[in-house]
Amino acid sequence: MSDFPAVIFDMDGVLVDSYDAHYESWQRLAAERGFEFTRAQFLTTFGRVSREVIVECGLLDDPTPEAVAEIDDAKELHFRDILREDFRAMDGARELIDALAAEGIPIAVGSSGPLENVDLVIDLLSKRDHLKAVVTARDVTRGKPHPEVFLKAAAGLEVEPGNCVVIEDAQAGIAAAHAASMVCIALVSAGHTDEELSAADQVVHSLRDLSPASIRDTFQQHIQ
């Protein structure tokens, strides 16, 4: 077991402050398609896979797989348009990636988001050269809290799962990291609370609270 872990970043709420962009994309879709999607619905479903939200919130009279896929694609198109209009990197994201890369720490992104969303965020961050592996919804058959996304990220990094630290912002992601035998640091982002993320090995309120040294310390304290 190395004392110098690889780092896997989730995307939404970790690398990009996408909370408002996701809400606005639902609002644009609702206006376009003639249905209502309330703030309350958004708050209770934030972080869930969009296709599940479409079905559970009854946004379609006849939610066939084809119809759900079509409206999901439309929602994600709006989301990417909004990111291009107003991209909000999480405070300290670029700096932390640079610091990790400068020390030779392998870095990956492991996200349940669509490939197109993840690619756009990486391009807008201008940090693709620092990433050794990127895993998206297209690469997995089971979403978080199943550990598949992080196990595939570790494989792409060519490291053992137990030699990885995951940075996440959601309960499902924390559970997925621990199921993969990885240490997990939780970032409290919009829509989440300290209490909600308390199962993580460490909870921080800003990526600026992290450094290669602090991540290594947390890893050494919590390796399984």
C-alpha atoms as a PDB file:
ATOM      1  CA  MET A   1       0.000   0.000   0.000  1.00  0.00           C
ATOM      2  CA  SER A   2       1.528   3.309  -1.099  1.00  0.00           C
ATOM      3  CA  ASP A   3       1.451   6.360   1.178  1.00  0.00           C
ATOM      4  CA  PHE A   4       0.991   8.534  -1.912  1.00  0.00           C
ATOM      5  CA  PRO A   5      -2.591   8.015  -3.090  1.00  0.00           C
ATOM      6  CA  ALA A   6      -4.201   8.634  -6.435  1.00  0.00           C
ATOM      7  CA  VAL A   7      -7.105  11.098  -6.414  1.00  0.00           C
ATOM      8  CA  ILE A   8     -10.487  10.643  -8.100  1.00  0.00           C
ATOM      9  CA  PHE A   9     -12.752  13.679  -8.414  1.00  0.00           C
ATOM     10  CA  ASP A  10     -16.499  13.556  -8.797  1.00  0.00           C
ATOM     11  CA  MET A  11     -17.648  16.311 -11.164  1.00  0.00           C
ATOM     12  CA  ASP A  12     -20.930  18.016 -10.214  1.00  0.00           C
ATOM     13  CA  GLY A  13     -20.502  19.994  -7.010  1.00  0.00           C
ATOM     14  CA  VAL A  14     -16.798  19.137  -6.827  1.00  0.00           C
ATOM     15  CA  LEU A  15     -15.174  20.496  -9.987  1.00  0.00           C
ATOM     16  CA  VAL A  16     -18.078  22.618 -11.191  1.00  0.00           C
ATOM     17  CA  ASP A  17     -20.679  24.542  -9.207  1.00  0.00           C
ATOM     18  CA  SER A  18     -23.561  23.161 -11.246  1.00  0.00           C
ATOM     19  CA  TYR A  19     -26.440  23.499  -8.777  1.00  0.00           C
ATOM     20  CA  ASP A  20     -28.012  26.577 -10.374  1.00  0.00           C
ATOM     21  CA  ALA A  21     -27.251  25.337 -13.883  1.00  0.00           C
ATOM     22  CA  HIS A  22     -29.135  22.103 -13.249  1.00  0.00           C
ATOM     23  CA  TYR A  23     -32.144  23.967 -11.828  1.00  0.00           C
ATOM     24  CA  GLU A  24     -32.183  26.409 -14.729  1.00  0.00           C
ATOM     25  CA  SER A  25     -31.939  23.564 -17.246  1.00  0.00           C
ATOM     26  CA  TRP A  26     -35.057  21.975 -15.737  1.00  0.00           C
ATOM     27  CA  GLN A  27     -36.835  25.332 -15.890  1.00  0.00           C
ATOM     28  CA  ARG A  28     -35.944  25.837 -19.550  1.00  0.00           C
ATOM     29  CA  LEU A  29     -37.111  22.328 -20.363  1.00  0.00           C
ATOM     30  CA  ALA A  30     -40.381  22.841 -18.457  1.00  0.00           C
ATOM     31  CA  ALA A  31     -41.099  26.077 -20.327  1.00  0.00           C
ATOM     32  CA  GLU A  32     -40.264  24.412 -23.635  1.00  0.00           C
ATOM     33  CA  ARG A  33     -42.363  21.287 -23.030  1.00  0.00           C
ATOM     34  CA  GLY A  34     -45.249  22.801 -21.099  1.00  0.00           C
ATOM     35  CA  PHE A  35     -44.935  21.111 -17.707  1.00  0.00           C
ATOM     36  CA  GLU A  36     -44.146  22.376 -14.223  1.00  0.00           C
ATOM     37  CA  PHE A  37     -40.993  21.494 -12.318  1.00  0.00           C
ATOM     38  CA  THR A  38     -40.942  23.176  -8.927  1.00  0.00           C
ATOM     39  CA  ARG A  39     -38.063  24.204  -6.705  1.00  0.00           C
ATOM     40  CA  ALA A  40     -39.329  21.634  -4.172  1.00  0.00           C
ATOM     41  CA  GLN A  41     -39.110  18.871  -6.769  1.00  0.00           C
ATOM     42  CA  PHE A  42     -35.607  19.975  -7.648  1.00  0.00           C
ATOM     43  CA  LEU A  43     -34.452  20.012  -4.034  1.00  0.00           C
ATOM     44  CA  THR A  44     -35.732  16.502  -3.372  1.00  0.00           C
ATOM     45  CA  THR A  45     -34.256  15.033  -6.551  1.00  0.00           C
ATOM     46  CA  PHE A  46     -30.987  16.969  -6.904  1.00  0.00           C
ATOM     47  CA  GLY A  47     -28.100  14.614  -7.529  1.00  0.00           C
ATOM     48  CA  ARG A  48     -30.314  11.866  -8.922  1.00  0.00           C
ATOM     49  CA  VAL A  49     -30.047  10.545 -12.475  1.00  0.00           C
ATOM     50  CA  SER A  50     -32.245  12.730 -14.709  1.00  0.00           C
ATOM     51  CA  ARG A  51     -34.085   9.794 -16.260  1.00  0.00           C
ATOM     52  CA  GLU A  52     -35.204   8.650 -12.817  1.00  0.00           C
ATOM     53  CA  VAL A  53     -36.394  12.171 -12.005  1.00  0.00           C
ATOM     54  CA  ILE A  54     -38.417  12.369 -15.219  1.00  0.00           C
ATOM     55  CA  VAL A  55     -40.274   9.178 -14.357  1.00  0.00           C
ATOM     56  CA  GLU A  56     -40.709   9.720 -10.618  1.00  0.00           C
ATOM     57  CA  CYS A  57     -41.945  13.295 -10.987  1.00  0.00           C
ATOM     58  CA  GLY A  58     -44.468  12.303 -13.652  1.00  0.00           C
ATOM     59  CA  LEU A  59     -43.134  14.698 -16.262  1.00  0.00           C
ATOM     60  CA  LEU A  60     -44.410  12.490 -19.101  1.00  0.00           C
ATOM     61  CA  ASP A  61     -47.895  11.066 -19.575  1.00  0.00           C
ATOM     62  CA  ASP A  62     -46.413   8.000 -21.250  1.00  0.00           C
ATOM     63  CA  PRO A  63     -42.844   7.493 -19.972  1.00  0.00           C
ATOM     64  CA  THR A  64     -41.624   4.981 -22.515  1.00  0.00           C
ATOM     65  CA  PRO A  65     -37.848   4.447 -22.528  1.00  0.00           C
ATOM     66  CA  GLU A  66     -37.616   6.307 -25.826  1.00  0.00           C
ATOM     67  CA  ALA A  67     -39.640   9.279 -24.568  1.00  0.00           C
ATOM     68  CA  VAL A  68     -37.655   9.467 -21.332  1.00  0.00           C
ATOM     69  CA  ALA A  69     -34.359   9.328 -23.235  1.00  0.00           C
ATOM     70  CA  GLU A  70     -35.484  12.098 -25.592  1.00  0.00           C
ATOM     71  CA  ILE A  71     -36.507  14.490 -22.809  1.00  0.00           C
ATOM     72  CA  ASP A  72     -33.380  13.629 -20.825  1.00  0.00           C
ATOM     73  CA  ASP A  73     -31.199  14.499 -23.816  1.00  0.00           C
ATOM     74  CA  ALA A  74     -33.058  17.793 -24.199  1.00  0.00           C
ATOM     75  CA  LYS A  75     -32.512  18.638 -20.538  1.00  0.00           C
ATOM     76  CA  GLU A  76     -28.783  17.931 -20.783  1.00  0.00           C
ATOM     77  CA  LEU A  77     -28.498  20.069 -23.915  1.00  0.00           C
ATOM     78  CA  HIS A  78     -29.941  22.988 -21.931  1.00  0.00           C
ATOM     79  CA  PHE A  79     -27.516  22.223 -19.108  1.00  0.00           C
ATOM     80  CA  ARG A  80     -24.492  22.382 -21.407  1.00  0.00           C
ATOM     81  CA  ASP A  81     -25.739  25.609 -22.980  1.00  0.00           C
ATOM     82  CA  ILE A  82     -25.960  27.165 -19.521  1.00  0.00           C
ATOM     83  CA  LEU A  83     -22.441  26.035 -18.619  1.00  0.00           C
ATOM     84  CA  ARG A  84     -21.104  27.618 -21.790  1.00  0.00           C
ATOM     85  CA  GLU A  85     -22.925  30.856 -20.925  1.00  0.00           C
ATOM     86  CA  ASP A  86     -21.799  30.977 -17.292  1.00  0.00           C
ATOM     87  CA  PHE A  87     -19.205  28.410 -16.247  1.00  0.00           C
ATOM     88  CA  ARG A  88     -18.551  28.334 -12.519  1.00  0.00           C
ATOM     89  CA  ALA A  89     -15.593  26.235 -11.498  1.00  0.00           C
ATOM     90  CA  MET A  90     -15.640  25.258  -7.842  1.00  0.00           C
ATOM     91  CA  ASP A  91     -13.398  27.577  -5.884  1.00  0.00           C
ATOM     92  CA  GLY A  92      -9.923  26.089  -5.728  1.00  0.00           C
ATOM     93  CA  ALA A  93     -10.591  23.279  -8.227  1.00  0.00           C
ATOM     94  CA  ARG A  94      -8.031  24.356 -10.801  1.00  0.00           C
ATOM     95  CA  GLU A  95      -5.429  25.106  -8.150  1.00  0.00           C
ATOM     96  CA  LEU A  96      -5.843  21.736  -6.418  1.00  0.00           C
ATOM     97  CA  ILE A  97      -5.559  19.836  -9.699  1.00  0.00           C
ATOM     98  CA  ASP A  98      -2.409  21.799 -10.538  1.00  0.00           C
ATOM     99  CA  ALA A  99      -0.905  21.087  -7.107  1.00  0.00           C
ATOM    100  CA  LEU A 100      -1.632  17.355  -7.339  1.00  0.00           C
ATOM    101  CA  ALA A 101      -0.217  17.163 -10.860  1.00  0.00           C
ATOM    102  CA  ALA A 102       2.914  19.050  -9.816  1.00  0.00           C
ATOM    103  CA  GLU A 103       3.626  16.301  -7.267  1.00  0.00           C
ATOM    104  CA  GLY A 104       3.009  13.541  -9.773  1.00  0.00           C
ATOM    105  CA  ILE A 105      -0.176  12.293  -8.107  1.00  0.00           C
ATOM    106  CA  PRO A 106      -2.367  10.379 -10.587  1.00  0.00           C
ATOM    107  CA  ILE A 107      -5.715  12.131 -11.103  1.00  0.00           C
ATOM    108  CA  ALA A 108      -9.015  10.889 -12.522  1.00  0.00           C
ATOM    109  CA  VAL A 109     -12.596  12.051 -12.841  1.00  0.00           C
ATOM    110  CA  GLY A 110     -15.294   9.544 -11.931  1.00  0.00           C
ATOM    111  CA  SER A 111     -18.774  10.877 -12.658  1.00  0.00           C
ATOM    112  CA  SER A 112     -22.243   9.463 -13.220  1.00  0.00           C
ATOM    113  CA  GLY A 113     -22.874  12.337 -15.628  1.00  0.00           C
ATOM    114  CA  PRO A 114     -23.161  12.018 -19.398  1.00  0.00           C
ATOM    115  CA  LEU A 115     -19.901  11.922 -21.347  1.00  0.00           C
ATOM    116  CA  GLU A 116     -20.792  15.174 -23.120  1.00  0.00           C
ATOM    117  CA  ASN A 117     -21.251  17.011 -19.802  1.00  0.00           C
ATOM    118  CA  VAL A 118     -18.033  15.684 -18.318  1.00  0.00           C
ATOM    119  CA  ASP A 119     -16.032  16.468 -21.443  1.00  0.00           C
ATOM    120  CA  LEU A 120     -17.383  20.020 -21.508  1.00  0.00           C
ATOM    121  CA  VAL A 121     -16.489  20.656 -17.864  1.00  0.00           C
ATOM    122  CA  ILE A 122     -12.976  19.284 -18.329  1.00  0.00           C
ATOM    123  CA  ASP A 123     -12.493  21.481 -21.382  1.00  0.00           C
ATOM    124  CA  LEU A 124     -13.813  24.575 -19.594  1.00  0.00           C
ATOM    125  CA  LEU A 125     -11.471  23.869 -16.680  1.00  0.00           C
ATOM    126  CA  SER A 126      -8.575  23.512 -19.166  1.00  0.00           C
ATOM    127  CA  LYS A 127      -7.107  20.658 -17.130  1.00  0.00           C
ATOM    128  CA  ARG A 128      -7.466  17.651 -19.435  1.00  0.00           C
ATOM    129  CA  ASP A 129      -3.692  17.204 -19.676  1.00  0.00           C
ATOM    130  CA  HIS A 130      -3.549  16.548 -15.928  1.00  0.00           C
ATOM    131  CA  LEU A 131      -6.089  13.707 -16.014  1.00  0.00           C
ATOM    132  CA  LYS A 132      -4.939  10.148 -16.534  1.00  0.00           C
ATOM    133  CA  ALA A 133      -8.464   8.642 -16.573  1.00  0.00           C
ATOM    134  CA  VAL A 134     -12.048   9.832 -17.078  1.00  0.00           C
ATOM    135  CA  VAL A 135     -15.059   7.610 -16.343  1.00  0.00           C
ATOM    136  CA  THR A 136     -18.615   8.709 -17.157  1.00  0.00           C
ATOM    137  CA  ALA A 137     -22.108   7.243 -17.335  1.00  0.00           C
ATOM    138  CA  ARG A 138     -21.247   5.807 -20.728  1.00  0.00           C
ATOM    139  CA  ASP A 139     -18.604   3.562 -19.162  1.00  0.00           C
ATOM    140  CA  VAL A 140     -20.722   1.952 -16.427  1.00  0.00           C
ATOM    141  CA  THR A 141     -23.879  -0.099 -16.145  1.00  0.00           C
ATOM    142  CA  ARG A 142     -24.531   0.614 -12.465  1.00  0.00           C
ATOM    143  CA  GLY A 143     -24.627   4.072 -10.937  1.00  0.00           C
ATOM    144  CA  LYS A 144     -23.557   5.222  -7.502  1.00  0.00           C
ATOM    145  CA  PRO A 145     -23.794   3.982  -4.743  1.00  0.00           C
ATOM    146  CA  HIS A 146     -22.456   0.998  -6.678  1.00  0.00           C
ATOM    147  CA  PRO A 147     -18.654   1.359  -6.804  1.00  0.00           C
ATOM    148  CA  GLU A 148     -18.280   0.593 -10.525  1.00  0.00           C
ATOM    149  CA  VAL A 149     -17.448   4.159 -11.569  1.00  0.00           C
ATOM    150  CA  PHE A 150     -14.611   4.441  -9.042  1.00  0.00           C
ATOM    151  CA  LEU A 151     -13.292   0.936  -9.654  1.00  0.00           C
ATOM    152  CA  LYS A 152     -13.043   1.719 -13.361  1.00  0.00           C
ATOM    153  CA  ALA A 153     -11.306   5.007 -12.566  1.00  0.00           C
ATOM    154  CA  ALA A 154      -8.736   3.140 -10.457  1.00  0.00           C
ATOM    155  CA  ALA A 155      -8.196   0.690 -13.303  1.00  0.00           C
ATOM    156  CA  GLY A 156      -7.666   3.596 -15.690  1.00  0.00           C
ATOM    157  CA  LEU A 157      -5.135   5.073 -13.279  1.00  0.00           C
ATOM    158  CA  GLU A 158      -3.450   1.662 -13.030  1.00  0.00           C
ATOM    159  CA  VAL A 159      -3.579   1.713  -9.234  1.00  0.00           C
ATOM    160  CA  GLU A 160      -5.238  -0.522  -6.672  1.00  0.00           C
ATOM    161  CA  PRO A 161      -8.650   0.715  -5.474  1.00  0.00           C
ATOM    162  CA  GLY A 162      -7.373   0.828  -1.910  1.00  0.00           C
ATOM    163  CA  ASN A 163      -4.730   3.341  -2.976  1.00  0.00           C
ATOM    164  CA  CYS A 164      -7.262   5.996  -4.001  1.00  0.00           C
ATOM    165  CA  VAL A 165      -8.868   9.000  -2.364  1.00  0.00           C
ATOM    166  CA  VAL A 166     -12.232  10.114  -3.753  1.00  0.00           C
ATOM    167  CA  ILE A 167     -13.478  13.694  -3.475  1.00  0.00           C
ATOM    168  CA  GLU A 168     -17.288  13.687  -3.489  1.00  0.00           C
ATOM    169  CA  ASP A 169     -20.247  15.836  -2.516  1.00  0.00           C
ATOM    170  CA  ALA A 170     -23.114  13.359  -2.157  1.00  0.00           C
ATOM    171  CA  GLN A 171     -24.144  10.442   0.025  1.00  0.00           C
ATOM    172  CA  ALA A 172     -24.335   8.021  -2.895  1.00  0.00           C
ATOM    173  CA  GLY A 173     -20.819   8.943  -3.941  1.00  0.00           C
ATOM    174  CA  ILE A 174     -19.454   8.486  -0.427  1.00  0.00           C
ATOM    175  CA  ALA A 175     -21.078   5.054  -0.245  1.00  0.00           C
ATOM    176  CA  ALA A 176     -19.651   4.156  -3.659  1.00  0.00           C
ATOM    177  CA  ALA A 177     -16.153   5.199  -2.610  1.00  0.00           C
ATOM    178  CA  HIS A 178     -16.291   3.158   0.586  1.00  0.00           C
ATOM    179  CA  ALA A 179     -17.731   0.172  -1.291  1.00  0.00           C
ATOM    180  CA  ALA A 180     -14.647   0.386  -3.516  1.00  0.00           C
ATOM    181  CA  SER A 181     -12.419   0.350  -0.387  1.00  0.00           C
ATOM    182  CA  MET A 182     -11.365   3.944  -1.040  1.00  0.00           C
ATOM    183  CA  VAL A 183     -10.925   6.829   1.375  1.00  0.00           C
ATOM    184  CA  CYS A 184     -13.484   9.585   0.765  1.00  0.00           C
ATOM    185  CA  ILE A 185     -13.272  13.322   1.378  1.00  0.00           C
ATOM    186  CA  ALA A 186     -16.617  15.115   1.158  1.00  0.00           C
ATOM    187  CA  LEU A 187     -16.976  18.678  -0.068  1.00  0.00           C
ATOM    188  CA  VAL A 188     -20.057  20.472   1.242  1.00  0.00           C
ATOM    189  CA  SER A 189     -21.530  22.092  -1.857  1.00  0.00           C
ATOM    190  CA  ALA A 190     -24.880  23.702  -2.689  1.00  0.00           C
ATOM    191  CA  GLY A 191     -27.824  21.508  -1.745  1.00  0.00           C
ATOM    192  CA  HIS A 192     -25.875  19.458   0.812  1.00  0.00           C
ATOM    193  CA  THR A 193     -25.073  19.672   4.533  1.00  0.00           C
ATOM    194  CA  ASP A 194     -22.325  18.550   6.887  1.00  0.00           C
ATOM    195  CA  GLU A 195     -24.701  16.120   8.556  1.00  0.00           C
ATOM    196  CA  GLU A 196     -25.707  14.586   5.236  1.00  0.00           C
ATOM    197  CA  LEU A 197     -22.050  13.949   4.361  1.00  0.00           C
ATOM    198  CA  SER A 198     -20.879  12.820   7.788  1.00  0.00           C
ATOM    199  CA  ALA A 199     -20.135   9.260   6.613  1.00  0.00           C
ATOM    200  CA  ALA A 200     -17.093  10.577   4.725  1.00  0.00           C
ATOM    201  CA  ASP A 201     -13.623  10.189   6.212  1.00  0.00           C
ATOM    202  CA  GLN A 202     -13.180  13.961   6.124  1.00  0.00           C
ATOM    203  CA  VAL A 203     -15.595  16.819   5.418  1.00  0.00           C
ATOM    204  CA  VAL A 204     -14.410  20.169   4.053  1.00  0.00           C
ATOM    205  CA  HIS A 205     -16.183  23.334   2.968  1.00  0.00           C
ATOM    206  CA  SER A 206     -13.768  24.373   0.251  1.00  0.00           C
ATOM    207  CA  LEU A 207     -11.269  22.714  -2.034  1.00  0.00           C
ATOM    208  CA  ARG A 208      -8.873  25.366  -0.766  1.00  0.00           C
ATOM    209  CA  ASP A 209      -8.894  23.436   2.528  1.00  0.00           C
ATOM    210  CA  LEU A 210      -7.122  20.592   0.691  1.00  0.00           C
ATOM    211  CA  SER A 211      -3.557  20.123  -0.523  1.00  0.00           C
ATOM    212  CA  PRO A 212      -1.508  17.129  -1.634  1.00  0.00           C
ATOM    213  CA  ALA A 213      -0.109  16.898   1.901  1.00  0.00           C
ATOM    214  CA  SER A 214      -3.483  17.055   3.635  1.00  0.00           C
ATOM    215  CA  ILE A 215      -5.001  14.501   1.255  1.00  0.00           C
ATOM    216  CA  ARG A 216      -2.074  12.181   1.921  1.00  0.00           C
ATOM    217  CA  ASP A 217      -2.545  12.643   5.682  1.00  0.00           C
ATOM    218  CA  THR A 218      -6.243  11.789   5.479  1.00  0.00           C
ATOM    219  CA  PHE A 219      -5.447   8.742   3.359  1.00  0.00           C
ATOM    220  CA  GLN A 220      -2.860   7.460   5.845  1.00  0.00           C
ATOM    221  CA  GLN A 221      -5.265   7.945   8.750  1.00  0.00           C
ATOM    222  CA  HIS A 222      -8.142   6.068   7.125  1.00  0.00           C
ATOM    223  CA  ILE A 223      -6.733   3.391   4.813  1.00  0.00           C
ATOM    224  CA  GLN A 224      -8.663   0.168   5.250  1.00  0.00           C
END
